[in-house]
C-alpha cells in the first residue's frame, strides 16, 4: 500500500465499527485497499480489537485503528 500511496494511486477503503472479527475478515477479503477499525465510536472494545486484528492479518487489506 505504501507504494500505491507514493504513486498517488486511487485507494478504496471504509470504516468498520461493528466490533466483530467475522465482519472484519469479510471486509478484508472484499478487495478494498484499507479499512479503519473504529473502536472509539463503534460497538467494539479493546479486548475484541485483538481478534479483529488477527482476522485482518489473513487478508491483503491494510488496517488502521482509531481508539
C-alpha atoms as a PDB file:
ATOM      1  CA  UNK A   1       0.000   0.000   0.000  1.00  0.00           C
ATOM      2  CA  UNK A   2       2.901   2.378   0.643  1.00  0.00           C
ATOM      3  CA  UNK A   3       3.945   2.063  -2.996  1.00  0.00           C
ATOM      4  CA  UNK A   4       0.396   2.874  -4.110  1.00  0.00           C
ATOM      5  CA  UNK A   5       0.372   5.973  -1.905  1.00  0.00           C
ATOM      6  CA  UNK A   6       3.707   7.117  -3.290  1.00  0.00           C
ATOM      7  CA  UNK A   7       2.450   6.545  -6.830  1.00  0.00           C
ATOM      8  CA  UNK A   8      -0.667   8.581  -5.968  1.00  0.00           C
ATOM      9  CA  UNK A   9      -2.882   5.665  -6.935  1.00  0.00           C
ATOM     10  CA  UNK A  10      -6.547   5.735  -6.006  1.00  0.00           C
ATOM     11  CA  UNK A  11      -7.152   3.635  -2.888  1.00  0.00           C
ATOM     12  CA  UNK A  12     -10.591   2.489  -1.759  1.00  0.00           C
ATOM     13  CA  UNK A  13     -11.446   1.860   1.861  1.00  0.00           C
ATOM     14  CA  UNK A  14     -14.075   2.043   4.560  1.00  0.00           C
ATOM     15  CA  UNK A  15     -14.686   2.307   8.294  1.00  0.00           C
ATOM     16  CA  UNK A  16     -15.837  -0.696  10.327  1.00  0.00           C
ATOM     17  CA  UNK A  17     -17.374  -0.120  13.721  1.00  0.00           C
ATOM     18  CA  UNK A  18     -19.214  -3.351  14.471  1.00  0.00           C
ATOM     19  CA  UNK A  19     -16.507  -4.785  16.700  1.00  0.00           C
ATOM     20  CA  UNK A  20     -16.860  -8.208  15.122  1.00  0.00           C
ATOM     21  CA  UNK A  21     -13.930 -10.238  13.785  1.00  0.00           C
ATOM     22  CA  UNK A  22     -16.108 -12.016  11.198  1.00  0.00           C
ATOM     23  CA  UNK A  23     -17.217  -8.779   9.523  1.00  0.00           C
ATOM     24  CA  UNK A  24     -13.634  -7.518   9.740  1.00  0.00           C
ATOM     25  CA  UNK A  25     -12.393 -10.584   7.875  1.00  0.00           C
ATOM     26  CA  UNK A  26     -15.169 -10.235   5.276  1.00  0.00           C
ATOM     27  CA  UNK A  27     -14.251  -6.582   4.707  1.00  0.00           C
ATOM     28  CA  UNK A  28     -10.597  -7.540   4.337  1.00  0.00           C
ATOM     29  CA  UNK A  29     -11.424 -10.199   1.766  1.00  0.00           C
ATOM     30  CA  UNK A  30     -13.717  -7.886  -0.229  1.00  0.00           C
ATOM     31  CA  UNK A  31     -10.896  -6.360  -2.282  1.00  0.00           C
ATOM     32  CA  UNK A  32     -10.685  -2.917  -0.662  1.00  0.00           C
ATOM     33  CA  UNK A  33      -7.253  -1.449  -0.037  1.00  0.00           C
ATOM     34  CA  UNK A  34      -7.694  -0.319   3.583  1.00  0.00           C
ATOM     35  CA  UNK A  35     -10.164  -0.027   6.377  1.00  0.00           C
ATOM     36  CA  UNK A  36     -10.317   1.694   9.707  1.00  0.00           C
ATOM     37  CA  UNK A  37     -11.278  -0.279  12.814  1.00  0.00           C
ATOM     38  CA  UNK A  38     -13.258   2.256  14.825  1.00  0.00           C
ATOM     39  CA  UNK A  39     -13.079   1.336  18.498  1.00  0.00           C
ATOM     40  CA  UNK A  40     -13.644   4.930  19.641  1.00  0.00           C
ATOM     41  CA  UNK A  41     -17.165   5.310  18.227  1.00  0.00           C
ATOM     42  CA  UNK A  42     -18.006   1.703  17.397  1.00  0.00           C
ATOM     43  CA  UNK A  43     -19.552  -1.083  19.404  1.00  0.00           C
ATOM     44  CA  UNK A  44     -16.249  -2.950  19.807  1.00  0.00           C
ATOM     45  CA  UNK A  45     -13.806  -2.739  22.655  1.00  0.00           C
ATOM     46  CA  UNK A  46     -10.076  -3.103  23.076  1.00  0.00           C
ATOM     47  CA  UNK A  47     -10.380  -6.767  24.029  1.00  0.00           C
ATOM     48  CA  UNK A  48     -12.209  -7.584  20.782  1.00  0.00           C
ATOM     49  CA  UNK A  49      -9.734  -5.495  18.809  1.00  0.00           C
ATOM     50  CA  UNK A  50      -7.128  -8.242  19.145  1.00  0.00           C
ATOM     51  CA  UNK A  51      -9.432 -10.681  17.353  1.00  0.00           C
ATOM     52  CA  UNK A  52     -10.206  -8.148  14.632  1.00  0.00           C
ATOM     53  CA  UNK A  53      -6.504  -7.517  14.003  1.00  0.00           C
ATOM     54  CA  UNK A  54      -5.885 -11.264  13.829  1.00  0.00           C
ATOM     55  CA  UNK A  55      -8.743 -11.623  11.333  1.00  0.00           C
ATOM     56  CA  UNK A  56      -7.486  -8.853   9.059  1.00  0.00           C
ATOM     57  CA  UNK A  57      -3.927 -10.189   9.123  1.00  0.00           C
ATOM     58  CA  UNK A  58      -5.146 -13.105   6.984  1.00  0.00           C
ATOM     59  CA  UNK A  59      -6.193 -10.677   4.196  1.00  0.00           C
ATOM     60  CA  UNK A  60      -4.269  -8.310   1.892  1.00  0.00           C
ATOM     61  CA  UNK A  61      -6.129  -5.269   3.255  1.00  0.00           C
ATOM     62  CA  UNK A  62      -4.247  -2.710   5.352  1.00  0.00           C
ATOM     63  CA  UNK A  63      -5.884  -1.635   8.586  1.00  0.00           C
ATOM     64  CA  UNK A  64      -5.782   1.443  10.781  1.00  0.00           C
ATOM     65  CA  UNK A  65      -7.173   1.547  14.340  1.00  0.00           C
ATOM     66  CA  UNK A  66      -8.914   4.506  15.951  1.00  0.00           C
ATOM     67  CA  UNK A  67      -9.022   4.204  19.740  1.00  0.00           C
END
